Amino acid sequence: MKRLLIITILVALPLFIYLRLYSGVRKSASIQTGAERTDQYLPYLKGKRVAILANPTTIIGKSHLVDSLMKLGVQVVKVFGPEHGFRGNASNGAKVKDEVDGETGLPIISLYGAKRKPSAADLADVDLMIFDIQDVGCRFYTYINVLRDVMEACSEHKKELMILDRPNPNGYLVDGPILDMRFKSGIGQFPIPISHGMTIAEFAQMINGEGWLRELPPCRLKVIKMANYSHDLPYTLPVAPSPNLNTQQSIDLYPATCLFEGTIISQGRGTRTPFTKLGAPALKEKYSYAFTPVSIPGMSETPLHMNQVCYGIDLMNYDAGLMRQSGKINLSWMMELYRAYPNKEKFFDRSQSNQMGDINKLAGTDLFQQQIREGKSEAEIRASWEPGLSQYKQMRKKYMLYP
């Protein structure tokens, strides 16, 4: 009997350890995206002429949603493409032209070129529009701007918008200064923090509820929710949401490392692992880790410090779970690299390169740059985000669809 008990323990213990270690993975794997829940929306699409805002993340399993719906008999009449294009082959910031999709023969209308939202002519032969692209939960990631533009077009032209919801891989994180609307730009359109902690469908409800459609009536929404999702669940994206967010590590670190686009510090654009490394040529005497940005078609043709050796910090193996545990954007890298940089007056100086962004627009405030320059502590910086951040968190509760 004793021997049987020992054998049982020896067999069961590894299974117990496995389940403990990988419980997060199992939970994540059980999530069903809105697109995957076809039984919830296929009957609704019957007999309707459908347009789809799509990119490579618009998938059901391993098949593109457009291809899947057409095989299922849905009358897809056209596709709209956001930044990077429908098939995802356009570089960061590159204008995208209208074209015909080689695989389906459907017309593709770019919303990242001559126009930013569908016109009356674009929607004349459309009964319903579908929005299904993967967001990463940051104010400066442009897909929430596209969402608002599409909602405006649907409101103006009295079309219904169906949102097939997807997880926010940074859904646990609600942090950063609220955008001061004096710094409204293409990378900041809403008075929200850097990391907003909402899914696309939740954010759409916030756009309607907070009156962010430029005095238009609310957009008529039909939301296909996910199953088995909560904001604190880890989620590994099956498809890169854009060419320069091509690893899970880059997605996890993006709320912190994208801020460096407003500095002389390279974030790794021009390497195969952007947003997972930070450095500049002037830091040669300070750091031993080095990388060299080069031109990479489809990712970054003319990166900051192109063909120059950059020295700095390697974050490829940084434990991104530390941000999840703290629930805070990492500010220590910005503070450290500013202290280390020899020519501090050049750190935020955009005149050095057209590849540098505006730190005030990225942070959403001119206080952040000033605080870094003055050597303020993290606690002091975070204190300046209040009461705005707490007020946003309270407002956000009205639009939540998931725990």
Protein backbone atom coordinates (compact mmCIF):
# COMPACT_ATOMS: atom_id res chain seq x y z
CA MET A 1 0.00 0.00 0.00
CA LYS A 2 2.79 2.38 0.95
CA ARG A 3 4.66 1.50 -2.26
CA LEU A 4 1.50 2.21 -4.32
CA LEU A 5 1.14 5.60 -2.62
CA ILE A 6 4.75 6.51 -3.45
CA ILE A 7 4.29 5.48 -7.09
CA THR A 8 1.10 7.55 -7.31
CA ILE A 9 2.87 10.61 -5.93
CA LEU A 10 5.81 10.17 -8.33
CA VAL A 11 3.42 9.96 -11.29
CA ALA A 12 1.15 12.79 -10.19
CA LEU A 13 3.81 15.29 -9.06
CA PRO A 14 5.21 16.14 -12.52
CA LEU A 15 1.67 16.63 -13.83
CA PHE A 16 0.85 18.93 -10.91
CA ILE A 17 4.00 21.00 -11.53
CA TYR A 18 3.23 21.21 -15.24
CA LEU A 19 -0.29 22.43 -14.61
CA ARG A 20 0.96 25.05 -12.15
CA LEU A 21 3.68 26.33 -14.47
CA TYR A 22 1.59 26.39 -17.62
CA SER A 23 -1.81 27.34 -16.26
CA GLY A 24 -1.48 30.78 -17.88
CA VAL A 25 -0.73 29.21 -21.24
CA ARG A 26 -3.74 26.90 -20.98
CA LYS A 27 -6.01 29.82 -20.10
CA SER A 28 -4.65 31.89 -22.97
CA ALA A 29 -5.12 29.01 -25.40
CA SER A 30 -8.81 28.71 -24.47
CA ILE A 31 -9.62 32.26 -25.60
CA GLN A 32 -11.92 32.41 -28.59
CA THR A 33 -11.65 35.59 -30.62
CA GLY A 34 -14.74 37.22 -32.03
CA ALA A 35 -13.78 36.08 -35.53
CA GLU A 36 -13.56 32.46 -34.39
CA ARG A 37 -17.12 32.54 -33.04
CA THR A 38 -18.68 32.25 -36.51
CA ASP A 39 -21.94 30.90 -35.12
CA GLN A 40 -22.47 34.28 -33.47
CA TYR A 41 -22.37 36.32 -36.66
CA LEU A 42 -22.65 34.26 -39.87
CA PRO A 43 -26.48 34.23 -39.76
CA TYR A 44 -26.42 38.02 -39.35
CA LEU A 45 -24.29 38.44 -42.50
CA LYS A 46 -26.62 36.42 -44.70
CA GLY A 47 -27.85 38.46 -47.66
CA LYS A 48 -25.71 41.49 -46.75
CA ARG A 49 -23.02 43.15 -48.85
CA VAL A 50 -20.00 43.24 -46.57
CA ALA A 51 -16.81 45.33 -46.48
CA ILE A 52 -13.97 44.34 -44.15
CA LEU A 53 -11.20 46.43 -42.60
CA ALA A 54 -8.43 43.87 -42.47
CA ASN A 55 -4.71 43.18 -42.27
CA PRO A 56 -2.67 39.98 -41.75
CA THR A 57 -3.94 39.64 -38.15
CA THR A 58 -7.51 39.24 -39.45
CA ILE A 59 -7.58 35.47 -39.15
CA ILE A 60 -9.68 32.48 -38.15
CA GLY A 61 -7.18 29.84 -37.13
CA LYS A 62 -4.60 29.89 -39.92
CA SER A 63 -6.95 31.25 -42.58
CA HIS A 64 -7.55 34.91 -43.35
CA LEU A 65 -11.03 36.06 -42.39
CA VAL A 66 -11.68 37.42 -45.89
CA ASP A 67 -10.84 34.08 -47.47
CA SER A 68 -12.84 32.18 -44.86
CA LEU A 69 -15.98 34.28 -45.19
CA MET A 70 -15.94 34.11 -48.96
CA LYS A 71 -15.68 30.31 -48.80
CA LEU A 72 -18.62 30.34 -46.39
CA GLY A 73 -20.74 32.21 -48.92
CA VAL A 74 -20.57 35.69 -47.39
CA GLN A 75 -20.83 38.43 -50.02
CA VAL A 76 -17.60 40.36 -49.40
CA VAL A 77 -17.52 43.28 -51.85
CA LYS A 78 -14.32 45.08 -50.84
CA VAL A 79 -11.52 45.33 -48.30
CA PHE A 80 -10.11 48.39 -46.53
CA GLY A 81 -6.45 48.37 -45.49
CA PRO A 82 -4.88 50.34 -42.57
CA GLU A 83 -1.21 51.29 -42.05
CA HIS A 84 1.11 48.56 -43.43
CA GLY A 85 -1.61 47.49 -45.88
CA PHE A 86 -4.06 44.61 -46.17
CA ARG A 87 -1.33 42.00 -46.63
CA GLY A 88 1.07 43.79 -44.27
CA ASN A 89 3.89 44.44 -46.74
CA ALA A 90 4.22 48.22 -46.26
CA SER A 91 6.87 49.73 -44.00
CA ASN A 92 6.23 51.87 -40.94
CA GLY A 93 4.65 55.19 -41.99
CA ALA A 94 4.74 54.36 -45.73
CA LYS A 95 1.77 55.57 -47.74
CA VAL A 96 -0.30 52.71 -49.15
CA LYS A 97 -2.09 52.85 -52.51
CA ASP A 98 -5.40 51.33 -53.57
CA GLU A 99 -4.99 48.03 -55.40
CA VAL A 100 -6.67 44.76 -56.30
CA ASP A 101 -5.97 41.76 -54.10
CA GLY A 102 -4.16 39.12 -56.13
CA GLU A 103 -5.64 36.24 -54.16
CA THR A 104 -9.34 37.17 -54.11
CA GLY A 105 -9.69 39.78 -56.86
CA LEU A 106 -11.35 42.13 -54.37
CA PRO A 107 -10.69 45.87 -54.56
CA ILE A 108 -8.50 47.05 -51.67
CA ILE A 109 -9.04 50.65 -50.58
CA SER A 110 -6.20 52.11 -48.54
CA LEU A 111 -6.96 54.12 -45.41
CA TYR A 112 -3.31 55.04 -45.01
CA GLY A 113 -2.69 57.04 -48.16
CA ALA A 114 -4.84 59.64 -49.90
CA LYS A 115 -7.71 59.07 -47.47
CA ARG A 116 -8.08 58.14 -43.81
CA LYS A 117 -11.69 56.97 -43.79
CA PRO A 118 -14.17 55.42 -46.24
CA SER A 119 -16.03 57.89 -48.47
CA ALA A 120 -19.72 57.89 -49.39
CA ALA A 121 -18.78 56.29 -52.73
CA ASP A 122 -16.74 53.60 -50.95
CA LEU A 123 -19.74 52.63 -48.82
CA ALA A 124 -22.50 53.04 -51.41
CA ASP A 125 -22.59 49.32 -52.22
CA VAL A 126 -21.98 48.19 -48.62
CA ASP A 127 -24.67 47.13 -46.13
CA LEU A 128 -22.36 46.35 -43.23
CA MET A 129 -18.71 46.98 -42.40
CA ILE A 130 -16.55 44.61 -40.33
CA PHE A 131 -13.61 45.81 -38.24
CA ASP A 132 -11.21 43.01 -37.32
CA ILE A 133 -7.57 43.96 -36.75
CA GLN A 134 -5.28 43.22 -33.83
CA ASP A 135 -4.43 46.14 -31.55
CA VAL A 136 -1.72 46.23 -28.86
CA GLY A 137 -3.35 48.61 -26.38
CA CYS A 138 -1.21 51.76 -26.74
CA ARG A 139 -2.28 55.31 -27.50
CA PHE A 140 0.45 55.78 -30.12
CA TYR A 141 -0.44 52.60 -32.02
CA THR A 142 -2.52 53.94 -34.91
CA TYR A 143 -5.24 51.30 -35.20
CA ILE A 144 -7.47 52.99 -32.61
CA ASN A 145 -7.33 56.12 -34.81
CA VAL A 146 -8.45 54.01 -37.78
CA LEU A 147 -11.26 52.63 -35.62
CA ARG A 148 -12.51 56.14 -34.87
CA ASP A 149 -12.26 57.16 -38.54
CA VAL A 150 -14.24 54.11 -39.67
CA MET A 151 -16.84 54.74 -36.98
CA GLU A 152 -17.18 58.32 -38.23
CA ALA A 153 -17.69 57.14 -41.80
CA CYS A 154 -20.29 54.58 -40.72
CA SER A 155 -22.10 57.21 -38.63
CA GLU A 156 -22.08 59.75 -41.49
CA HIS A 157 -23.35 57.30 -44.07
CA LYS A 158 -25.69 55.33 -41.80
CA LYS A 159 -23.88 52.00 -42.01
CA GLU A 160 -23.63 49.45 -39.22
CA LEU A 161 -20.17 48.47 -37.96
CA MET A 162 -19.56 44.95 -36.71
CA ILE A 163 -16.51 44.53 -34.48
CA LEU A 164 -15.00 41.08 -34.14
CA ASP A 165 -13.17 41.55 -30.87
CA ARG A 166 -9.61 40.38 -30.14
CA PRO A 167 -7.48 40.27 -26.97
CA ASN A 168 -5.35 43.22 -25.94
CA PRO A 169 -1.93 41.64 -25.22
CA ASN A 170 -1.26 44.54 -22.84
CA GLY A 171 -4.80 44.52 -21.48
CA TYR A 172 -3.59 44.31 -17.88
CA LEU A 173 -1.77 47.65 -18.18
CA VAL A 174 -3.50 50.99 -17.60
CA ASP A 175 -0.71 53.49 -17.12
CA GLY A 176 0.92 56.69 -18.31
CA PRO A 177 0.08 60.38 -18.51
CA ILE A 178 -3.25 61.38 -20.03
CA LEU A 179 -2.80 63.04 -23.42
CA ASP A 180 -2.87 66.82 -23.13
CA MET A 181 -4.96 67.64 -26.20
CA ARG A 182 -2.55 70.47 -27.06
CA PHE A 183 -0.33 67.62 -28.29
CA LYS A 184 -2.98 65.84 -30.30
CA SER A 185 -1.40 64.26 -33.39
CA GLY A 186 -1.43 61.18 -35.59
CA ILE A 187 0.09 59.23 -32.68
CA GLY A 188 -2.29 60.60 -30.08
CA GLN A 189 -5.94 61.36 -30.79
CA PHE A 190 -7.70 60.74 -27.48
CA PRO A 191 -7.39 61.96 -23.86
CA ILE A 192 -6.24 58.55 -22.62
CA PRO A 193 -3.03 57.21 -21.01
CA ILE A 194 -0.19 55.61 -22.97
CA SER A 195 -1.51 52.12 -22.21
CA HIS A 196 -5.32 52.19 -22.20
CA GLY A 197 -6.14 48.62 -21.09
CA MET A 198 -9.09 48.05 -23.43
CA THR A 199 -10.00 45.76 -26.29
CA ILE A 200 -10.98 47.28 -29.64
CA ALA A 201 -14.69 46.69 -28.96
CA GLU A 202 -14.46 48.29 -25.52
CA PHE A 203 -12.60 51.24 -27.01
CA ALA A 204 -15.28 51.62 -29.69
CA GLN A 205 -17.90 51.85 -26.95
CA MET A 206 -15.77 54.53 -25.26
CA ILE A 207 -15.52 56.50 -28.51
CA ASN A 208 -19.33 56.47 -28.78
CA GLY A 209 -19.95 57.10 -25.11
CA GLU A 210 -17.48 59.97 -24.70
CA GLY A 211 -18.60 61.75 -27.85
CA TRP A 212 -15.32 61.43 -29.74
CA LEU A 213 -16.97 61.29 -33.18
CA ARG A 214 -16.68 65.03 -33.87
CA GLU A 215 -20.31 65.90 -33.08
CA LEU A 216 -21.73 63.01 -35.13
CA PRO A 217 -24.37 60.65 -33.76
CA PRO A 218 -23.01 57.45 -32.17
CA CYS A 219 -21.94 54.77 -34.62
CA ARG A 220 -24.31 51.79 -34.76
CA LEU A 221 -22.22 48.93 -33.39
CA LYS A 222 -22.68 45.19 -33.33
CA VAL A 223 -20.01 43.60 -31.15
CA ILE A 224 -19.03 39.94 -31.36
CA LYS A 225 -17.39 39.36 -28.02
CA MET A 226 -14.62 36.92 -27.24
CA ALA A 227 -15.16 33.86 -25.09
CA ASN A 228 -13.06 33.03 -22.03
CA TYR A 229 -11.17 36.32 -22.04
CA SER A 230 -10.16 38.59 -19.17
CA HIS A 231 -7.79 41.55 -19.22
CA ASP A 232 -5.19 39.98 -16.97
CA LEU A 233 -4.76 36.85 -19.11
CA PRO A 234 -1.43 36.60 -20.93
CA TYR A 235 -1.94 36.30 -24.66
CA THR A 236 0.63 35.44 -27.31
CA LEU A 237 -0.32 36.87 -30.68
CA PRO A 238 -0.42 34.26 -33.46
CA VAL A 239 0.45 36.88 -36.12
CA ALA A 240 2.67 39.96 -35.81
CA PRO A 241 0.37 43.03 -35.67
CA SER A 242 2.83 45.10 -37.75
CA PRO A 243 6.29 44.59 -39.31
CA ASN A 244 8.21 46.14 -36.42
CA LEU A 245 6.24 44.40 -33.68
CA ASN A 246 7.35 40.98 -34.85
CA THR A 247 8.06 39.24 -31.54
CA GLN A 248 6.01 38.81 -28.39
CA GLN A 249 8.84 40.51 -26.49
CA SER A 250 8.54 43.62 -28.65
CA ILE A 251 4.78 43.73 -28.05
CA ASP A 252 5.22 43.33 -24.30
CA LEU A 253 7.87 46.08 -24.10
CA TYR A 254 6.25 48.45 -26.61
CA PRO A 255 4.45 50.67 -24.05
CA ALA A 256 7.88 51.57 -22.62
CA THR A 257 10.31 51.33 -25.53
CA CYS A 258 8.20 53.21 -28.09
CA LEU A 259 8.76 56.37 -26.03
CA PHE A 260 12.38 56.27 -27.24
CA GLU A 261 11.16 57.20 -30.72
CA GLY A 262 11.16 60.75 -29.31
CA THR A 263 14.85 60.55 -28.43
CA ILE A 264 18.27 60.11 -30.09
CA ILE A 265 18.25 56.53 -28.78
CA SER A 266 17.57 53.79 -31.34
CA GLN A 267 14.81 51.35 -30.34
CA GLY A 268 16.21 48.70 -32.66
CA ARG A 269 14.45 49.71 -35.86
CA GLY A 270 16.73 48.46 -38.61
CA THR A 271 17.31 45.18 -36.81
CA ARG A 272 15.26 41.98 -36.88
CA THR A 273 14.10 42.52 -33.28
CA PRO A 274 12.88 46.13 -32.96
CA PHE A 275 11.70 47.51 -29.63
CA THR A 276 13.83 44.97 -27.71
CA LYS A 277 17.07 46.97 -27.65
CA LEU A 278 18.08 50.54 -26.94
CA GLY A 279 21.28 52.31 -27.90
CA ALA A 280 23.21 55.04 -29.71
CA PRO A 281 26.75 55.52 -31.08
CA ALA A 282 27.53 58.15 -28.43
CA LEU A 283 27.15 55.55 -25.65
CA LYS A 284 30.23 53.55 -26.72
CA GLU A 285 32.13 54.34 -23.53
CA LYS A 286 29.15 53.49 -21.33
CA TYR A 287 27.90 50.09 -22.57
CA SER A 288 29.40 46.96 -24.07
CA TYR A 289 26.27 45.61 -25.76
CA ALA A 290 26.14 46.73 -29.40
CA PHE A 291 23.92 46.48 -32.49
CA THR A 292 23.98 48.10 -35.93
CA PRO A 293 20.74 49.34 -37.58
CA VAL A 294 20.62 48.71 -41.33
CA SER A 295 18.05 49.28 -44.05
CA ILE A 296 15.48 46.46 -44.03
CA PRO A 297 12.85 46.71 -46.79
CA GLY A 298 9.34 46.22 -45.45
CA MET A 299 10.43 47.10 -41.91
CA SER A 300 12.61 50.21 -41.81
CA GLU A 301 14.34 51.56 -44.90
CA THR A 302 16.15 54.49 -43.25
CA PRO A 303 16.40 53.78 -39.51
CA LEU A 304 17.95 56.15 -36.99
CA HIS A 305 21.75 55.67 -36.82
CA MET A 306 21.71 53.55 -39.99
CA ASN A 307 24.98 51.63 -40.51
CA GLN A 308 26.39 52.96 -37.23
CA VAL A 309 27.25 50.79 -34.25
CA CYS A 310 24.91 51.59 -31.34
CA TYR A 311 25.79 50.79 -27.73
CA GLY A 312 23.25 50.34 -24.99
CA ILE A 313 20.83 47.89 -23.39
CA ASP A 314 19.72 44.47 -24.65
CA LEU A 315 16.11 43.77 -23.60
CA MET A 316 15.52 40.66 -25.68
CA ASN A 317 15.75 38.46 -22.60
CA TYR A 318 14.29 40.95 -20.14
CA ASP A 319 11.53 39.38 -18.06
CA ALA A 320 8.49 41.26 -19.37
CA GLY A 321 6.50 39.60 -16.60
CA LEU A 322 7.99 42.19 -14.24
CA MET A 323 5.87 44.86 -15.91
CA ARG A 324 2.85 42.60 -15.57
CA GLN A 325 3.58 42.16 -11.86
CA SER A 326 4.03 45.88 -11.24
CA GLY A 327 1.20 47.03 -13.51
CA LYS A 328 3.44 49.94 -14.54
CA ILE A 329 5.29 51.11 -17.63
CA ASN A 330 9.04 50.82 -17.10
CA LEU A 331 10.53 54.33 -16.82
CA SER A 332 13.96 53.30 -15.55
CA TRP A 333 15.44 52.78 -19.03
CA MET A 334 14.59 56.35 -20.09
CA MET A 335 16.01 57.75 -16.87
CA GLU A 336 19.18 55.64 -17.09
CA LEU A 337 19.97 56.36 -20.72
CA TYR A 338 19.40 60.09 -20.30
CA ARG A 339 21.85 60.10 -17.39
CA ALA A 340 24.36 58.10 -19.44
CA TYR A 341 24.09 60.17 -22.62
CA PRO A 342 27.10 62.54 -22.92
CA ASN A 343 25.37 65.36 -24.86
CA LYS A 344 22.17 65.76 -22.90
CA GLU A 345 21.02 68.80 -24.85
CA LYS A 346 20.83 66.50 -27.90
CA PHE A 347 18.83 63.72 -26.25
CA PHE A 348 15.39 65.01 -27.32
CA ASP A 349 16.59 67.28 -30.19
CA ARG A 350 14.61 66.33 -33.31
CA SER A 351 16.72 68.51 -35.61
CA GLN A 352 19.37 65.77 -35.69
CA SER A 353 17.29 63.30 -37.70
CA ASN A 354 13.94 63.08 -39.44
CA GLN A 355 13.72 59.58 -37.95
CA MET A 356 13.20 61.11 -34.49
CA GLY A 357 9.66 61.74 -33.30
CA ASP A 358 8.28 64.36 -30.93
CA ILE A 359 8.65 63.22 -27.33
CA ASN A 360 5.84 65.54 -26.23
CA LYS A 361 3.41 63.92 -28.66
CA LEU A 362 4.54 60.41 -27.70
CA ALA A 363 4.31 61.03 -23.96
CA GLY A 364 1.22 63.19 -24.45
CA THR A 365 2.64 66.02 -22.36
CA ASP A 366 5.60 68.41 -22.30
CA LEU A 367 6.09 67.69 -18.59
CA PHE A 368 7.69 64.28 -19.21
CA GLN A 369 10.66 65.66 -21.14
CA GLN A 370 11.13 68.36 -18.53
CA GLN A 371 11.00 65.82 -15.69
CA ILE A 372 13.62 63.58 -17.30
CA ARG A 373 15.90 66.57 -17.89
CA GLU A 374 15.50 67.69 -14.27
CA GLY A 375 16.27 64.23 -12.90
CA LYS A 376 12.89 63.80 -11.21
CA SER A 377 12.30 60.49 -9.46
CA GLU A 378 9.87 57.93 -10.84
CA ALA A 379 7.55 58.65 -7.93
CA GLU A 380 7.54 62.35 -8.78
CA ILE A 381 6.87 61.66 -12.45
CA ARG A 382 4.01 59.30 -11.65
CA ALA A 383 2.49 61.77 -9.18
CA SER A 384 2.14 64.28 -12.03
CA TRP A 385 -0.11 61.82 -13.90
CA GLU A 386 -2.78 62.27 -11.24
CA PRO A 387 -5.63 62.85 -10.88
CA GLY A 388 -6.03 62.27 -14.63
CA LEU A 389 -4.99 58.62 -14.63
CA SER A 390 -7.35 57.69 -11.77
CA GLN A 391 -10.20 59.57 -13.42
CA TYR A 392 -9.58 57.68 -16.67
CA LYS A 393 -9.61 54.34 -14.84
CA GLN A 394 -12.98 55.20 -13.34
CA MET A 395 -14.40 56.34 -16.70
CA ARG A 396 -13.05 53.20 -18.40
CA LYS A 397 -15.21 50.98 -16.16
CA LYS A 398 -18.37 52.08 -18.00
CA TYR A 399 -17.25 50.42 -21.22
CA MET A 400 -15.76 47.14 -20.06
CA LEU A 401 -17.03 43.94 -21.65
CA TYR A 402 -14.71 41.57 -19.76
CA PRO A 403 -13.40 41.28 -16.21
